[in-house]
Structure formats: C-alpha cells, structure tokens
Amino acid sequence: MCDINRRQQDTEDVFTLDIAPPPGYPGFAPGQFNMLYVPGVGEAAISISGDPQDSYRLLHTIRAVGDVTAQLRNKDGRSHVGVRGPFGKPWPIEAARGRDLVIVAGGIGIAPLRPVLYTVLSDRAAYGNVHLLYGARTPRDILYQDELMQWHRQGEISTTITVDAAKPSWKGDVGVVTRYIGRVRVDPENTVAMICGPEIMMRYTAGELLLKGIPMRQIHVSMERHMKCAAALCGHCQFGPYFVCRDGPVFRYSDVAPLMSTAEF
C-alpha cells in the first residue's frame, strides 16, 4: 500500500491524488496508467497525470464515476491506496522529436496528455511548433487552467481553451474544440498529433486533422475502454483484435479508425 500525500479537489466531480510511488517503482512514460486499488472494493485503471521526471510522487486526476473512484475520492493525506503499474503503450514522444506537435484534449482527456506537455517543456528546443487545443463543458470544468495559461504566456505552447457553454462574463472561446483546429499552423507532413477525449470528439478531431493534410499514421489517440486486469487476460477491454490495456491505450489512428464507431458493451 502506498501513502497518499494529498488530495486536491479540481472540479465538482474531478480530483487529483498525489501518491508516493511504491518501492522499486520504475517510473512511467507519458500516456501510461496505473491500477489503483482499494481493499475490499476493487481497482480501477487511472492515467498518470504528473511529470514523468518527478520520482517522488505519482499524480492521478480522477473523475468519480464508480465504486472504486468514489472510495478514492474520500481518501486524504492520512490514507493509503494500492498501486500496480505502470501499464500500457505510451504517447510517441521520441518519434515526435524534431516535429511540430498538435495536442487535442476533451474534458478529463487533458490528464493523460499533461505528462506530454511536461516532457516537451523539459526539452523544448527538441520540438517544433506545439499547439494545445482543449475543450471543457464549462469554465468551472477546466483542469490545470493556471498552469496551461502560464505556459501559453511564456510562449512555450500555443494554447486554445474553449468551453461548450458559459456565462457572458467568460471572455474565452465557446464551441467544440474541433472548431478551432483551423487556427493551427504546422507543416502537415512533419507533424505528430495526439488526441484524448470522448470517442466522438476524437473521431471528428482526427477528421479535421486529416483535412489539414496530417497523415493518418501520424495521428494518435488514447482509448478509454474498460480495463480490469491490465494483463490482457480478462477480455473486458478487447477492442477488435486489440486489448487496450496491452496494445494501447495509445494507438495510431490508422490502426483503429475502422473500429472507433463500434460501441462498447
């Protein structure tokens, strides 16, 4: 069992757990996940949302949607949680070196992409233009807003944050995130795109990126099918010929595009 350093409430239904890594934890790559477990309740696959270079803490940004995550929401700095991992195929950070980057997130999909941003910023000169487009339901649902805007003001990352709905006091963009892909200025053949969010959002985003001339093989998506064992044994996360826990969660869009319209049962 691992110590929880602190719990931060990010929005009404989203919180972040700061967990001390278990002994011998090998570190993680952006896009990987851990299995967090609560004895007597169960475990859940949760993306790691912190800095891969931080060996002292593991951050997991979580939406409370089930029994396990509801129990995790009640944890605090005096609590413990089980950790297994890391698991999964990460984002293609090394393949993106020397190229432009387009990062598109919807809702809590920003969490698995945040480690990408940390990695890029730690060696900013190794990448070309970096564009982040992030869509949330309302201004109150925006995650990491201060951090993202700080990076934007520093000129490190071109950032567009948009919401589905807002009061007149909101001075930012309103509308679905795909609406703003036209703002992106990149060399299509030399661009790597990374997308995480609801499947319908990822399909439409990939379609817009294809229209900009970015090759399908250079577009990557993170699938969120239900993962139970993290070892490709239980079959819960089977996705066509793939198991998301083993073969993903990050996939080339060219490999999964025909499957993404198939509903999960």
Protein backbone atom coordinates (compact mmCIF):
# COMPACT_ATOMS: atom_id res chain seq x y z
CA MET A 1 0.00 0.00 0.00
CA CYS A 2 1.23 3.50 -0.85
CA ASP A 3 0.88 6.71 1.13
CA ILE A 4 -1.36 9.44 -0.25
CA ASN A 5 0.49 12.74 0.14
CA ARG A 6 -2.60 14.86 -0.53
CA ARG A 7 -5.90 15.06 -2.37
CA GLN A 8 -6.87 18.12 -4.38
CA GLN A 9 -10.45 18.77 -5.49
CA ASP A 10 -10.15 20.15 -9.02
CA THR A 11 -13.80 20.50 -10.03
CA GLU A 12 -17.14 19.34 -8.66
CA ASP A 13 -16.56 15.73 -9.77
CA VAL A 14 -12.82 15.60 -10.55
CA PHE A 15 -9.98 15.35 -8.05
CA THR A 16 -6.23 14.64 -8.10
CA LEU A 17 -4.45 12.19 -5.82
CA ASP A 18 -0.77 12.81 -5.08
CA ILE A 19 0.60 9.34 -4.24
CA ALA A 20 4.05 8.32 -3.04
CA PRO A 21 5.40 5.70 -5.51
CA PRO A 22 5.74 2.13 -4.24
CA PRO A 23 9.27 0.80 -3.56
CA GLY A 24 11.01 -0.13 -6.79
CA TYR A 25 8.55 1.72 -9.00
CA PRO A 26 10.29 2.01 -12.41
CA GLY A 27 8.83 5.36 -13.44
CA PHE A 28 6.35 5.90 -16.24
CA ALA A 29 6.13 7.23 -19.77
CA PRO A 30 3.51 9.82 -20.82
CA GLY A 31 0.24 8.09 -21.63
CA GLN A 32 0.69 5.07 -19.35
CA PHE A 33 -1.65 4.21 -16.48
CA ASN A 34 -1.62 2.58 -13.06
CA MET A 35 -4.14 0.27 -11.47
CA LEU A 36 -5.26 1.87 -8.20
CA TYR A 37 -6.98 -0.44 -5.75
CA VAL A 38 -8.98 -0.08 -2.57
CA PRO A 39 -9.03 -3.28 -0.49
CA GLY A 40 -12.49 -4.80 -0.28
CA VAL A 41 -13.81 -2.60 -3.09
CA GLY A 42 -11.77 -3.21 -6.23
CA GLU A 43 -9.34 -1.45 -8.55
CA ALA A 44 -9.52 0.91 -11.49
CA ALA A 45 -7.23 1.88 -14.35
CA ILE A 46 -6.24 5.53 -13.92
CA SER A 47 -4.00 7.53 -16.25
CA ILE A 48 -0.95 9.16 -14.68
CA SER A 49 -1.20 12.94 -14.95
CA GLY A 50 2.04 14.18 -13.41
CA ASP A 51 5.61 14.88 -14.50
CA PRO A 52 7.50 11.73 -15.62
CA GLN A 53 10.70 13.23 -14.22
CA ASP A 54 9.26 13.58 -10.72
CA SER A 55 10.31 10.39 -8.91
CA TYR A 56 8.77 11.44 -5.58
CA ARG A 57 5.08 11.48 -6.47
CA LEU A 58 2.53 9.98 -8.82
CA LEU A 59 -0.38 12.23 -9.77
CA HIS A 60 -3.68 10.75 -10.89
CA THR A 61 -6.52 13.04 -11.94
CA ILE A 62 -9.75 11.12 -11.45
CA ARG A 63 -13.46 11.57 -12.15
CA ALA A 64 -15.69 9.94 -9.54
CA VAL A 65 -17.92 7.66 -11.62
CA GLY A 66 -17.98 4.26 -9.89
CA ASP A 67 -17.45 2.40 -6.63
CA VAL A 68 -13.65 2.48 -6.69
CA THR A 69 -13.32 6.12 -7.73
CA ALA A 70 -15.98 7.11 -5.19
CA GLN A 71 -13.87 5.50 -2.48
CA LEU A 72 -10.71 7.15 -3.80
CA ARG A 73 -12.50 10.50 -3.60
CA ASN A 74 -12.76 10.02 0.16
CA LYS A 75 -9.03 9.47 0.58
CA ASP A 76 -6.77 12.17 2.04
CA GLY A 77 -3.22 12.67 3.31
CA ARG A 78 -3.75 10.18 6.12
CA SER A 79 -4.86 7.37 3.79
CA HIS A 80 -3.30 4.65 1.69
CA VAL A 81 -4.02 3.14 -1.71
CA GLY A 82 -2.72 0.16 -3.66
CA VAL A 83 -0.74 0.81 -6.85
CA ARG A 84 0.09 -1.60 -9.69
CA GLY A 85 1.92 -0.43 -12.79
CA PRO A 86 2.79 1.27 -14.92
CA PHE A 87 0.95 -0.34 -17.81
CA GLY A 88 0.19 0.43 -21.41
CA LYS A 89 1.67 1.81 -24.58
CA PRO A 90 2.68 5.49 -24.23
CA TRP A 91 2.45 8.51 -26.48
CA PRO A 92 5.12 8.62 -29.26
CA ILE A 93 7.27 11.28 -27.63
CA GLU A 94 10.54 10.16 -29.19
CA ALA A 95 9.01 9.91 -32.67
CA ALA A 96 7.76 13.48 -32.24
CA ARG A 97 11.21 14.96 -31.64
CA GLY A 98 12.10 17.49 -34.34
CA ARG A 99 8.46 17.74 -35.44
CA ASP A 100 5.51 20.03 -34.87
CA LEU A 101 3.01 18.82 -32.28
CA VAL A 102 -0.78 19.17 -32.20
CA ILE A 103 -2.29 18.09 -28.87
CA VAL A 104 -6.08 18.00 -28.62
CA ALA A 105 -7.92 17.17 -25.38
CA GLY A 106 -11.56 16.99 -24.38
CA GLY A 107 -12.66 17.11 -20.73
CA ILE A 108 -10.61 14.91 -18.44
CA GLY A 109 -8.70 13.77 -21.55
CA ILE A 110 -6.22 16.53 -20.72
CA ALA A 111 -4.93 14.38 -17.82
CA PRO A 112 -3.16 11.68 -19.91
CA LEU A 113 -1.72 14.44 -22.14
CA ARG A 114 -0.34 16.60 -19.32
CA PRO A 115 2.80 14.38 -18.99
CA VAL A 116 3.42 15.01 -22.71
CA LEU A 117 3.45 18.75 -22.04
CA TYR A 118 5.85 18.34 -19.12
CA THR A 119 8.18 16.24 -21.28
CA VAL A 120 8.13 18.69 -24.17
CA LEU A 121 8.77 21.66 -21.89
CA SER A 122 11.75 19.90 -20.29
CA ASP A 123 13.46 19.86 -23.71
CA ARG A 124 11.54 22.49 -25.63
CA ALA A 125 14.20 23.05 -28.32
CA ALA A 126 13.84 19.43 -29.44
CA TYR A 127 10.35 20.09 -30.85
CA GLY A 128 8.88 22.44 -33.42
CA ASN A 129 5.65 24.38 -33.01
CA VAL A 130 3.46 23.00 -30.21
CA HIS A 131 -0.28 23.64 -30.26
CA LEU A 132 -2.66 22.64 -27.49
CA LEU A 133 -6.42 22.73 -28.05
CA TYR A 134 -8.51 21.89 -25.00
CA GLY A 135 -12.27 21.75 -24.71
CA ALA A 136 -14.29 21.56 -21.47
CA ARG A 137 -18.00 21.66 -20.66
CA THR A 138 -17.92 24.99 -18.78
CA PRO A 139 -15.23 27.31 -17.37
CA ARG A 140 -15.64 25.60 -13.99
CA ASP A 141 -14.67 22.27 -15.59
CA ILE A 142 -11.31 23.43 -16.96
CA LEU A 143 -8.43 21.47 -15.46
CA TYR A 144 -4.92 22.87 -14.86
CA GLN A 145 -6.04 26.26 -16.17
CA ASP A 146 -3.41 28.38 -14.39
CA GLU A 147 -0.62 26.06 -15.47
CA LEU A 148 -1.73 25.93 -19.09
CA MET A 149 -2.10 29.68 -19.37
CA GLN A 150 1.30 30.24 -17.75
CA TRP A 151 2.93 28.09 -20.43
CA HIS A 152 0.98 29.96 -23.10
CA ARG A 153 2.05 33.38 -21.78
CA GLN A 154 5.66 32.24 -21.68
CA GLY A 155 5.42 31.45 -25.39
CA GLU A 156 6.26 27.78 -24.92
CA ILE A 157 2.95 26.36 -26.13
CA SER A 158 0.23 27.92 -28.28
CA THR A 159 -2.92 27.24 -26.26
CA THR A 160 -6.60 27.43 -27.15
CA ILE A 161 -9.10 26.69 -24.38
CA THR A 162 -12.77 26.53 -25.31
CA VAL A 163 -15.97 25.59 -23.47
CA ASP A 164 -19.32 24.23 -24.61
CA ALA A 165 -21.30 26.82 -22.64
CA ALA A 166 -20.52 29.84 -20.47
CA LYS A 167 -21.99 32.92 -18.87
CA PRO A 168 -21.42 36.33 -20.54
CA SER A 169 -18.59 37.00 -18.08
CA TRP A 170 -16.48 34.32 -19.77
CA LYS A 171 -14.08 36.07 -22.16
CA GLY A 172 -12.63 32.97 -23.79
CA ASP A 173 -13.68 30.83 -26.74
CA VAL A 174 -17.01 28.99 -26.87
CA GLY A 175 -17.70 25.97 -29.06
CA VAL A 176 -16.50 22.45 -29.71
CA VAL A 177 -12.75 22.06 -29.84
CA THR A 178 -12.72 20.91 -33.47
CA ARG A 179 -13.98 24.36 -34.42
CA TYR A 180 -10.55 25.83 -33.63
CA ILE A 181 -8.27 23.39 -35.43
CA GLY A 182 -8.18 25.85 -38.31
CA ARG A 183 -6.03 28.14 -36.14
CA VAL A 184 -3.23 25.59 -36.08
CA ARG A 185 -0.23 26.39 -38.24
CA VAL A 186 2.03 23.41 -38.79
CA ASP A 187 3.91 21.54 -41.50
CA PRO A 188 1.44 18.67 -42.02
CA GLU A 189 3.97 16.11 -43.23
CA ASN A 190 6.20 16.93 -40.28
CA THR A 191 3.50 16.92 -37.59
CA VAL A 192 2.54 14.43 -34.91
CA ALA A 193 -0.95 14.74 -33.41
CA MET A 194 -2.11 13.34 -30.06
CA ILE A 195 -5.79 13.25 -29.12
CA CYS A 196 -7.59 12.19 -25.94
CA GLY A 197 -11.24 12.66 -25.03
CA PRO A 198 -14.67 11.19 -25.79
CA GLU A 199 -14.55 8.88 -28.80
CA ILE A 200 -16.88 11.01 -30.91
CA MET A 201 -14.67 14.04 -30.24
CA MET A 202 -11.55 12.07 -31.23
CA ARG A 203 -13.15 10.90 -34.50
CA TYR A 204 -14.16 14.41 -35.53
CA THR A 205 -10.80 15.83 -34.45
CA ALA A 206 -8.92 13.23 -36.46
CA GLY A 207 -11.10 14.05 -39.45
CA GLU A 208 -10.24 17.75 -39.21
CA LEU A 209 -6.55 16.98 -38.87
CA LEU A 210 -6.70 14.76 -41.95
CA LEU A 211 -8.25 17.67 -43.85
CA LYS A 212 -5.24 19.77 -42.85
CA GLY A 213 -3.03 17.17 -44.55
CA ILE A 214 -1.64 15.43 -41.48
CA PRO A 215 -1.11 11.76 -42.44
CA MET A 216 -3.33 9.25 -40.63
CA ARG A 217 -0.28 7.29 -39.42
CA GLN A 218 0.94 10.41 -37.58
CA ILE A 219 -2.31 10.88 -35.63
CA HIS A 220 -2.52 9.06 -32.29
CA VAL A 221 -5.49 8.53 -29.98
CA SER A 222 -5.83 7.24 -26.42
CA MET A 223 -8.68 4.79 -25.97
CA GLU A 224 -10.55 4.54 -22.69
CA ARG A 225 -12.23 1.14 -22.97
CA HIS A 226 -12.94 -0.57 -19.64
CA MET A 227 -9.74 -2.15 -18.26
CA LYS A 228 -9.96 -4.65 -15.41
CA CYS A 229 -6.77 -6.75 -15.24
CA ALA A 230 -4.10 -4.74 -17.15
CA ALA A 231 -2.69 -8.04 -18.42
CA ALA A 232 -4.88 -8.80 -21.48
CA LEU A 233 -6.37 -11.84 -19.68
CA CYS A 234 -9.91 -10.88 -18.65
CA GLY A 235 -11.07 -9.64 -22.05
CA HIS A 236 -13.01 -6.63 -20.73
CA CYS A 237 -11.03 -4.15 -22.82
CA GLN A 238 -10.97 -6.08 -26.08
CA PHE A 239 -11.17 -3.65 -28.98
CA GLY A 240 -11.44 -5.53 -32.26
CA PRO A 241 -8.19 -7.53 -32.48
CA TYR A 242 -6.59 -5.44 -29.71
CA PHE A 243 -6.60 -5.35 -25.93
CA VAL A 244 -6.47 -1.73 -24.81
CA CYS A 245 -4.54 -2.48 -21.62
CA ARG A 246 -1.74 -4.22 -23.52
CA ASP A 247 -1.81 -2.85 -27.08
CA GLY A 248 -2.89 0.65 -26.01
CA PRO A 249 -4.21 2.80 -24.57
CA VAL A 250 -2.37 4.85 -27.22
CA PHE A 251 -2.95 3.73 -30.81
CA ARG A 252 -2.16 5.05 -34.24
CA TYR A 253 -5.40 6.35 -35.68
CA SER A 254 -4.69 4.40 -38.88
CA ASP A 255 -4.90 1.17 -36.84
CA VAL A 256 -8.18 1.86 -35.05
CA ALA A 257 -10.17 4.24 -37.25
CA PRO A 258 -12.48 1.47 -38.57
CA LEU A 259 -13.16 0.29 -35.00
CA MET A 260 -13.92 3.59 -33.32
CA SER A 261 -17.57 3.64 -34.39
CA THR A 262 -18.17 0.29 -32.65
CA ALA A 263 -19.95 0.71 -29.29
CA GLU A 264 -18.53 -0.81 -26.12
CA PHE A 265 -20.73 -3.38 -24.41
